[in-house]
Amino acid sequence: MKSRRSNVKALTRRTFLSRLGAVVGGCAAAPWFVPGRALGLDGAVPASERIVMGGIGIGNRGAYVLDCFLHEPGVQFVAVCDVRAARRQAVKRMVDNFYKNQDCRTYIDLRELLARPDLDAVLIATGPNWHGLASILAAEAGKDVYCEKPCTKTIAESLALAQTFRRTGRVFQAGTQRRSLPNFAFAVELARRGRLGKLTTLHAHPGGLGTSTSRWLPAEPPPAKEDVDWDLYLGPAAWRPYNRRLLDGFNFEKGGGLVGGGCLEWGTHCVDLCQWANDADGTAAVEYWPEGNQLHARYANGVKLVMRNDGWLPLGSCPVRFEGEEGWVETGDNGELVAHPPTLIAGPRAKIAGYPANFHVRDFLACVRSRGQPRANADVACWSHITCHAANIALFLGRKVVFDPKT
């Protein structure tokens, strides 16, 4: 680099004063000011403290979570990426209408969005085939991640996800929002604090134990690439011909790495809660076997996990039941708790029906600011997903599977 010392010496007092006068005159002609909104004087969060976000693959569920982010103070959503033009434009309209401007940028390839240096975090709500890889790419690009579940396709990808976020120091939150809801947290605390006595059995409702198929749907004429980029939609999944039924929603017909069956789709919620209740966030069950219309598993500490669909109290979707030698507790998405003995749940408690994501979103944003670990961080997600993947393997094989979490 060329030295600038000779130029500094050549600057005389007269030259300096003349230049200073020009600057002052320019300021008088065009007053220098910072808008109050940029400093937070209008009640908004100052720009320097805002979390700038982008979205990847925002569909039906993703749009709901996006709305939660938009309504949180201190969040500025600036970009969306989707391989489907209609969804890309729909989310742009949603964001622009919220901010009353036209500033939301659109992208087709997530790598272009992740290359933006102004983004602090991303919301990932693509199909499950992209969740793990997109999260890893985001972390490598220096972004924090809120990712819808299921977050991984395989045991290996689960481990890679956790390793990447530990190495990069980025914040990760899996979209298992029941960890942030009071009825589920209360039930878990009864188990963890020994109020049920020694734990014996954990029950989870995965919404069906059907495994996804590996067959292809009939080929259909693909849409124009500018409408749907089919290759980018498949991403890390095995290639298969286009069929419109593969684009939307939870569909077992997707198969072949696009979905993981009920055990993974909903198990990542209810099995995740069982892991938490069993103090097993850093490990997985060691044995898995199909038994009738159920899937049974056993942890190294002797606690049994039962994935079942029948015999539940009417407590809403995604119910869990924790049983110990001295009592049990059951809860679900209607926010109610039932326990034996009833004194376990005596007293006033907050009740929130449904499964809102706003509490979980706030937990993530707080950790983006503090650099702490959210409730469903990458290590937590890794092991709850591994438990579901191993259960799926036992279901596929129709026999007992032994798994060593240490190796």
Protein backbone atom coordinates (compact mmCIF):
# COMPACT_ATOMS: atom_id res chain seq x y z
CA MET A 1 0.00 0.00 0.00
CA LYS A 2 1.32 3.43 -0.93
CA SER A 3 2.15 5.74 2.02
CA ARG A 4 -0.01 8.85 2.49
CA ARG A 5 2.52 10.68 4.76
CA SER A 6 3.71 13.14 2.05
CA ASN A 7 0.14 14.28 1.40
CA VAL A 8 -0.44 14.97 5.09
CA LYS A 9 2.64 17.23 5.25
CA ALA A 10 1.45 19.20 2.23
CA LEU A 11 -1.78 20.16 3.95
CA THR A 12 -1.23 23.79 5.10
CA ARG A 13 -3.28 25.66 7.68
CA ARG A 14 -4.84 27.83 4.95
CA THR A 15 -5.83 24.76 2.90
CA PHE A 16 -7.25 23.05 5.98
CA LEU A 17 -9.41 26.07 6.93
CA SER A 18 -10.72 26.50 3.40
CA ARG A 19 -11.75 22.85 3.24
CA LEU A 20 -13.36 23.05 6.67
CA GLY A 21 -15.38 26.08 5.55
CA ALA A 22 -16.63 24.18 2.53
CA VAL A 23 -17.77 21.30 4.72
CA VAL A 24 -19.54 23.63 7.18
CA GLY A 25 -21.20 25.48 4.32
CA GLY A 26 -22.42 22.22 2.86
CA CYS A 27 -23.91 21.21 6.19
CA ALA A 28 -25.70 24.54 6.43
CA ALA A 29 -27.14 24.05 2.95
CA ALA A 30 -28.27 20.48 3.66
CA PRO A 31 -28.70 19.93 7.42
CA TRP A 32 -27.13 16.76 8.77
CA PHE A 33 -29.64 14.76 10.83
CA VAL A 34 -30.42 11.20 11.89
CA PRO A 35 -34.12 10.22 11.77
CA GLY A 36 -35.59 9.57 15.20
CA ARG A 37 -36.84 6.16 14.08
CA ALA A 38 -33.23 5.08 13.37
CA LEU A 39 -32.34 5.90 16.98
CA GLY A 40 -35.46 4.26 18.37
CA LEU A 41 -36.96 7.58 19.47
CA ASP A 42 -40.34 6.67 18.00
CA GLY A 43 -40.58 3.58 20.18
CA ALA A 44 -38.98 1.30 17.59
CA VAL A 45 -35.79 -0.66 18.26
CA PRO A 46 -32.72 1.26 16.99
CA ALA A 47 -31.30 -0.09 13.74
CA SER A 48 -28.05 -1.07 15.48
CA GLU A 49 -29.97 -3.43 17.77
CA ARG A 50 -32.32 -4.99 15.22
CA ILE A 51 -32.07 -8.62 14.19
CA VAL A 52 -32.12 -8.68 10.40
CA MET A 53 -33.69 -11.86 9.04
CA GLY A 54 -34.42 -13.73 5.84
CA GLY A 55 -36.71 -16.67 5.12
CA ILE A 56 -36.09 -19.85 3.15
CA GLY A 57 -38.99 -21.96 1.83
CA ILE A 58 -41.84 -20.22 3.64
CA GLY A 59 -45.07 -22.17 3.09
CA ASN A 60 -48.19 -22.63 5.20
CA ARG A 61 -46.58 -23.40 8.56
CA GLY A 62 -43.64 -21.16 7.74
CA ALA A 63 -45.96 -18.22 7.08
CA TYR A 64 -47.43 -18.59 10.57
CA VAL A 65 -43.97 -18.64 12.19
CA LEU A 66 -42.90 -15.71 10.00
CA ASP A 67 -45.88 -13.74 11.31
CA CYS A 68 -44.67 -14.44 14.85
CA PHE A 69 -41.26 -13.01 13.96
CA LEU A 70 -42.74 -9.95 12.24
CA HIS A 71 -44.65 -9.01 15.38
CA GLU A 72 -41.62 -9.24 17.65
CA PRO A 73 -39.95 -5.87 18.38
CA GLY A 74 -36.42 -5.62 17.08
CA VAL A 75 -36.86 -7.95 14.10
CA GLN A 76 -36.49 -6.70 10.54
CA PHE A 77 -37.37 -9.21 7.84
CA VAL A 78 -35.73 -8.24 4.55
CA ALA A 79 -35.52 -11.23 2.18
CA VAL A 80 -37.21 -14.44 1.13
CA CYS A 81 -36.01 -17.40 -0.92
CA ASP A 82 -38.20 -20.03 -2.54
CA VAL A 83 -37.91 -22.25 -5.61
CA ARG A 84 -41.62 -21.66 -6.28
CA ALA A 85 -42.43 -18.29 -7.80
CA ALA A 86 -45.97 -18.13 -6.43
CA ARG A 87 -44.88 -18.70 -2.84
CA ARG A 88 -41.91 -16.40 -3.22
CA GLN A 89 -44.14 -13.55 -4.30
CA ALA A 90 -46.81 -14.37 -1.70
CA VAL A 91 -44.31 -14.09 1.14
CA LYS A 92 -42.86 -10.90 -0.31
CA ARG A 93 -46.37 -9.41 -0.34
CA MET A 94 -46.89 -10.53 3.24
CA VAL A 95 -43.68 -8.85 4.41
CA ASP A 96 -44.14 -5.72 2.31
CA ASN A 97 -47.72 -5.29 3.51
CA PHE A 98 -46.56 -5.58 7.11
CA TYR A 99 -43.86 -2.92 6.72
CA LYS A 100 -45.87 -0.86 4.21
CA ASN A 101 -43.00 -0.76 1.71
CA GLN A 102 -41.62 -2.80 -1.20
CA ASP A 103 -38.22 -3.60 0.32
CA CYS A 104 -38.35 -7.40 0.73
CA ARG A 105 -35.89 -8.95 -1.74
CA THR A 106 -36.58 -12.31 -3.38
CA TYR A 107 -34.22 -15.15 -4.27
CA ILE A 108 -34.53 -18.56 -5.92
CA ASP A 109 -31.26 -20.10 -4.68
CA LEU A 110 -30.77 -20.11 -0.90
CA ARG A 111 -27.00 -19.73 -1.35
CA GLU A 112 -27.54 -16.26 -2.78
CA LEU A 113 -29.67 -15.23 0.19
CA LEU A 114 -27.13 -16.65 2.65
CA ALA A 115 -24.35 -14.66 0.97
CA ARG A 116 -25.93 -11.40 2.17
CA PRO A 117 -23.65 -9.90 4.84
CA ASP A 118 -26.48 -7.94 6.48
CA LEU A 119 -28.47 -11.00 7.59
CA ASP A 120 -28.18 -12.05 11.24
CA ALA A 121 -30.56 -15.01 11.15
CA VAL A 122 -32.81 -17.06 8.90
CA LEU A 123 -36.11 -18.88 9.26
CA ILE A 124 -35.98 -22.22 7.42
CA ALA A 125 -39.35 -23.80 6.59
CA THR A 126 -38.61 -25.71 3.38
CA GLY A 127 -39.58 -29.32 2.84
CA PRO A 128 -37.82 -31.67 5.31
CA ASN A 129 -35.33 -32.78 2.65
CA TRP A 130 -33.64 -29.35 2.83
CA HIS A 131 -33.85 -28.62 6.58
CA GLY A 132 -30.54 -30.09 7.70
CA LEU A 133 -28.36 -28.98 4.81
CA ALA A 134 -29.88 -25.50 4.67
CA SER A 135 -29.24 -25.08 8.40
CA ILE A 136 -25.63 -26.21 8.05
CA LEU A 137 -25.05 -23.88 5.08
CA ALA A 138 -26.57 -21.02 7.05
CA ALA A 139 -24.30 -21.63 10.03
CA GLU A 140 -21.26 -21.78 7.77
CA ALA A 141 -22.38 -18.43 6.33
CA GLY A 142 -22.47 -16.93 9.83
CA LYS A 143 -26.25 -16.92 10.32
CA ASP A 144 -28.30 -18.02 13.32
CA VAL A 145 -31.12 -20.42 12.45
CA TYR A 146 -34.71 -21.12 13.44
CA CYS A 147 -35.61 -24.33 11.57
CA GLU A 148 -38.91 -26.15 11.33
CA LYS A 149 -38.90 -29.83 12.19
CA PRO A 150 -37.98 -32.48 11.27
CA CYS A 151 -34.53 -30.92 11.10
CA THR A 152 -32.59 -33.84 9.63
CA LYS A 153 -33.02 -36.77 7.23
CA THR A 154 -30.56 -39.22 8.81
CA ILE A 155 -28.59 -40.02 11.95
CA ALA A 156 -25.41 -38.79 10.24
CA GLU A 157 -27.03 -35.48 9.32
CA SER A 158 -28.24 -35.07 12.91
CA LEU A 159 -24.68 -35.41 14.19
CA ALA A 160 -23.35 -33.07 11.48
CA LEU A 161 -25.94 -30.44 12.44
CA ALA A 162 -24.90 -30.46 16.10
CA GLN A 163 -21.18 -30.47 15.27
CA THR A 164 -21.54 -27.55 12.85
CA PHE A 165 -23.36 -25.31 15.30
CA ARG A 166 -20.92 -26.12 18.09
CA ARG A 167 -17.96 -25.32 15.83
CA THR A 168 -19.37 -22.11 14.35
CA GLY A 169 -20.90 -20.81 17.58
CA ARG A 170 -24.15 -19.94 15.81
CA VAL A 171 -27.53 -20.14 17.55
CA PHE A 172 -29.96 -22.87 16.46
CA GLN A 173 -33.57 -23.40 17.48
CA ALA A 174 -35.57 -26.40 16.23
CA GLY A 175 -39.24 -25.63 15.69
CA THR A 176 -40.34 -27.98 18.48
CA GLN A 177 -42.31 -25.19 20.13
CA ARG A 178 -43.95 -27.35 22.80
CA ARG A 179 -40.74 -27.01 24.81
CA SER A 180 -41.78 -23.40 25.34
CA LEU A 181 -45.40 -24.08 26.38
CA PRO A 182 -46.32 -24.13 30.10
CA ASN A 183 -48.36 -27.34 30.28
CA PHE A 184 -45.65 -29.45 28.65
CA ALA A 185 -42.89 -27.77 30.67
CA PHE A 186 -44.87 -28.38 33.89
CA ALA A 187 -45.30 -32.09 33.10
CA VAL A 188 -41.62 -32.42 32.28
CA GLU A 189 -40.61 -30.75 35.55
CA LEU A 190 -42.76 -33.21 37.53
CA ALA A 191 -40.74 -36.01 35.97
CA ARG A 192 -37.34 -34.34 36.25
CA ARG A 193 -37.78 -33.31 39.89
CA GLY A 194 -38.79 -36.78 41.03
CA ARG A 195 -42.40 -35.87 41.80
CA LEU A 196 -43.53 -39.03 39.97
CA GLY A 197 -41.02 -41.21 41.77
CA LYS A 198 -38.54 -43.19 39.73
CA LEU A 199 -39.48 -42.91 36.04
CA THR A 200 -40.58 -46.15 34.43
CA THR A 201 -42.36 -45.42 31.12
CA LEU A 202 -42.69 -42.48 28.73
CA HIS A 203 -45.56 -42.45 26.22
CA ALA A 204 -45.48 -40.42 22.99
CA HIS A 205 -48.12 -40.00 20.27
CA PRO A 206 -46.32 -39.59 16.91
CA GLY A 207 -49.53 -39.17 14.93
CA GLY A 208 -49.16 -42.51 13.16
CA LEU A 209 -46.26 -44.91 12.79
CA GLY A 210 -46.52 -45.32 9.03
CA THR A 211 -43.14 -45.15 7.34
CA SER A 212 -42.65 -43.22 4.13
CA THR A 213 -42.58 -45.09 0.85
CA SER A 214 -39.61 -45.35 -1.49
CA ARG A 215 -41.74 -45.66 -4.63
CA TRP A 216 -42.07 -42.90 -7.19
CA LEU A 217 -45.31 -41.22 -8.10
CA PRO A 218 -46.19 -41.17 -11.81
CA ALA A 219 -44.28 -38.57 -13.80
CA GLU A 220 -46.18 -35.45 -14.82
CA PRO A 221 -45.19 -32.67 -17.21
CA PRO A 222 -42.99 -30.34 -15.16
CA PRO A 223 -43.85 -26.65 -14.85
CA ALA A 224 -41.64 -23.99 -16.36
CA LYS A 225 -38.40 -23.59 -14.42
CA GLU A 226 -39.23 -19.96 -13.65
CA ASP A 227 -42.40 -21.19 -11.90
CA VAL A 228 -40.87 -24.15 -10.02
CA ASP A 229 -37.18 -25.04 -10.03
CA TRP A 230 -37.67 -28.79 -9.59
CA ASP A 231 -33.98 -29.64 -9.23
CA LEU A 232 -33.53 -27.06 -6.47
CA TYR A 233 -36.73 -28.27 -4.80
CA LEU A 234 -35.31 -31.80 -4.57
CA GLY A 235 -31.93 -30.50 -3.43
CA PRO A 236 -30.14 -33.21 -1.41
CA ALA A 237 -32.95 -35.75 -1.89
CA ALA A 238 -32.74 -38.50 -4.49
CA TRP A 239 -33.93 -37.35 -7.91
CA ARG A 240 -37.38 -38.38 -9.06
CA PRO A 241 -39.71 -37.12 -11.82
CA TYR A 242 -42.00 -34.19 -11.13
CA ASN A 243 -45.43 -34.82 -9.61
CA ARG A 244 -47.48 -31.95 -8.19
CA ARG A 245 -48.44 -34.04 -5.12
CA LEU A 246 -44.82 -33.91 -4.03
CA LEU A 247 -44.87 -30.15 -3.57
CA ASP A 248 -47.32 -29.59 -0.76
CA GLY A 249 -47.87 -30.61 2.81
CA PHE A 250 -47.25 -33.73 4.87
CA ASN A 251 -47.60 -36.59 2.39
CA PHE A 252 -46.30 -40.13 2.86
CA GLU A 253 -46.26 -40.51 -0.93
CA LYS A 254 -43.31 -38.14 -1.04
CA GLY A 255 -41.00 -40.82 0.34
CA GLY A 256 -37.39 -41.31 -0.63
CA GLY A 257 -35.86 -38.62 1.57
CA LEU A 258 -38.60 -36.00 1.21
CA VAL A 259 -40.42 -36.96 4.43
CA GLY A 260 -39.67 -39.40 7.24
CA GLY A 261 -43.07 -40.82 8.14
CA GLY A 262 -45.17 -40.07 11.20
CA CYS A 263 -42.48 -41.29 13.57
CA LEU A 264 -40.21 -38.45 12.45
CA GLU A 265 -42.73 -35.78 11.48
CA TRP A 266 -44.57 -35.75 14.83
CA GLY A 267 -42.16 -37.83 16.87
CA THR A 268 -39.75 -34.94 16.82
CA HIS A 269 -42.34 -33.12 18.97
CA CYS A 270 -43.56 -35.77 21.41
CA VAL A 271 -40.42 -37.94 21.57
CA ASP A 272 -38.46 -34.73 22.10
CA LEU A 273 -40.57 -34.04 25.21
CA CYS A 274 -39.95 -37.58 26.47
CA GLN A 275 -36.21 -37.09 26.00
CA TRP A 276 -36.44 -33.90 28.06
CA ALA A 277 -38.45 -35.58 30.83
CA ASN A 278 -35.88 -38.39 31.01
CA ASP A 279 -32.87 -36.01 31.22
CA ALA A 280 -31.80 -37.61 27.93
CA ASP A 281 -31.16 -34.48 25.84
CA GLY A 282 -27.60 -35.64 25.15
CA THR A 283 -28.29 -39.26 24.28
CA ALA A 284 -30.81 -41.63 22.67
CA ALA A 285 -32.58 -44.87 23.47
CA VAL A 286 -30.38 -47.94 23.07
CA GLU A 287 -32.95 -50.56 21.94
CA TYR A 288 -35.97 -50.30 19.60
CA TRP A 289 -38.54 -52.90 18.58
CA PRO A 290 -42.02 -52.97 16.98
CA GLU A 291 -44.71 -54.43 19.23
CA GLY A 292 -48.16 -54.75 17.71
CA ASN A 293 -49.21 -51.33 16.49
CA GLN A 294 -46.66 -49.64 18.75
CA LEU A 295 -42.93 -48.97 18.74
CA HIS A 296 -41.11 -49.62 22.01
CA ALA A 297 -37.66 -48.42 23.01
CA ARG A 298 -35.45 -48.58 26.09
CA TYR A 299 -32.93 -46.08 27.42
CA ALA A 300 -29.68 -47.06 29.11
CA ASN A 301 -31.16 -46.01 32.48
CA GLY A 302 -33.93 -48.59 32.06
CA VAL A 303 -36.76 -46.16 31.25
CA LYS A 304 -39.07 -47.42 28.48
CA LEU A 305 -40.35 -45.25 25.63
CA VAL A 306 -43.64 -46.25 23.99
CA MET A 307 -44.79 -44.65 20.74
CA ARG A 308 -48.51 -45.37 20.51
CA ASN A 309 -51.69 -44.00 18.95
CA ASP A 310 -54.45 -45.41 21.15
CA GLY A 311 -55.61 -45.25 24.76
CA TRP A 312 -55.11 -41.52 25.23
CA LEU A 313 -57.10 -39.10 27.33
CA PRO A 314 -58.91 -36.43 25.25
CA LEU A 315 -56.21 -33.79 25.74
CA GLY A 316 -55.64 -32.73 22.15
CA SER A 317 -52.98 -33.56 19.59
CA CYS A 318 -49.38 -34.49 20.39
CA PRO A 319 -50.10 -35.92 23.86
CA VAL A 320 -47.39 -37.28 26.15
CA ARG A 321 -47.66 -39.30 29.34
CA PHE A 322 -44.90 -39.74 31.90
CA GLU A 323 -45.21 -42.60 34.41
CA GLY A 324 -43.21 -43.18 37.58
CA GLU A 325 -43.40 -45.54 40.53
CA GLU A 326 -45.38 -42.96 42.53
CA GLY A 327 -47.57 -41.26 39.94
CA TRP A 328 -48.17 -40.17 36.37
CA VAL A 329 -49.01 -37.05 34.37
CA GLU A 330 -50.50 -36.61 30.90
CA THR A 331 -50.96 -33.50 28.76
CA GLY A 332 -51.58 -32.45 25.17
CA ASP A 333 -52.27 -29.52 22.90
CA ASN A 334 -55.50 -28.44 24.60
CA GLY A 335 -53.37 -27.17 27.47
CA GLU A 336 -54.94 -29.38 30.14
CA LEU A 337 -53.02 -31.55 32.60
CA VAL A 338 -54.29 -34.77 34.21
CA ALA A 339 -52.29 -36.51 36.91
CA HIS A 340 -52.37 -39.15 39.62
CA PRO A 341 -52.37 -38.31 42.41
CA PRO A 342 -54.32 -35.14 41.54
CA THR A 343 -52.35 -33.16 44.12
CA LEU A 344 -49.44 -33.17 41.65
CA ILE A 345 -51.20 -30.48 39.63
CA ALA A 346 -53.00 -28.62 42.40
CA GLY A 347 -52.92 -24.83 42.31
CA PRO A 348 -53.22 -22.18 39.60
CA ARG A 349 -51.35 -22.66 36.33
CA ALA A 350 -51.20 -20.88 33.02
CA LYS A 351 -53.21 -22.64 30.32
CA ILE A 352 -52.51 -22.08 26.64
CA ALA A 353 -54.50 -24.17 24.17
CA GLY A 354 -53.04 -25.10 20.81
CA TYR A 355 -49.35 -24.92 20.00
CA PRO A 356 -48.43 -21.28 19.39
CA ALA A 357 -44.86 -20.58 18.32
CA ASN A 358 -44.46 -17.04 19.66
CA PHE A 359 -42.95 -18.14 23.00
CA HIS A 360 -40.44 -20.33 21.15
CA VAL A 361 -39.63 -17.50 18.74
CA ARG A 362 -38.95 -15.17 21.67
CA ASP A 363 -36.64 -17.74 23.25
CA PHE A 364 -34.67 -17.89 19.99
CA LEU A 365 -34.45 -14.10 19.64
CA ALA A 366 -33.31 -13.71 23.24
CA CYS A 367 -30.48 -16.16 22.57
CA VAL A 368 -29.52 -14.44 19.32
CA ARG A 369 -28.94 -11.33 21.44
CA SER A 370 -27.33 -13.03 24.45
CA ARG A 371 -25.50 -15.79 22.49
CA GLY A 372 -26.97 -18.32 24.91
CA GLN A 373 -28.46 -21.71 24.08
CA PRO A 374 -32.20 -21.88 23.29
CA ARG A 375 -34.48 -24.61 24.58
CA ALA A 376 -34.35 -26.68 21.39
CA ASN A 377 -30.72 -26.07 20.43
CA ALA A 378 -28.77 -28.14 17.92
CA ASP A 379 -27.56 -30.71 20.46
CA VAL A 380 -31.08 -31.21 21.83
CA ALA A 381 -32.49 -31.54 18.31
CA CYS A 382 -29.71 -33.91 17.30
CA TRP A 383 -30.56 -36.55 19.88
CA SER A 384 -34.35 -36.33 19.74
CA HIS A 385 -34.09 -36.76 15.96
CA ILE A 386 -31.65 -39.66 16.30
CA THR A 387 -34.11 -41.45 18.60
CA CYS A 388 -36.82 -41.01 15.94
CA HIS A 389 -34.52 -42.11 13.11
CA ALA A 390 -33.53 -45.27 15.00
CA ALA A 391 -37.21 -46.00 15.70
CA ASN A 392 -37.94 -45.57 12.00
CA ILE A 393 -35.20 -48.06 11.14
CA ALA A 394 -36.77 -50.64 13.48
CA LEU A 395 -40.16 -50.02 11.83
CA PHE A 396 -38.68 -50.40 8.34
CA LEU A 397 -36.91 -53.64 9.26
CA GLY A 398 -39.74 -55.00 11.39
CA ARG A 399 -37.34 -56.20 14.07
CA LYS A 400 -35.32 -55.16 17.09
CA VAL A 401 -32.53 -52.63 16.57
CA VAL A 402 -29.71 -52.01 19.04
CA PHE A 403 -28.08 -48.57 18.99
CA ASP A 404 -25.01 -47.28 20.84
CA PRO A 405 -25.21 -43.48 21.24
CA LYS A 406 -21.54 -43.32 22.22
CA THR A 407 -20.25 -44.74 18.94
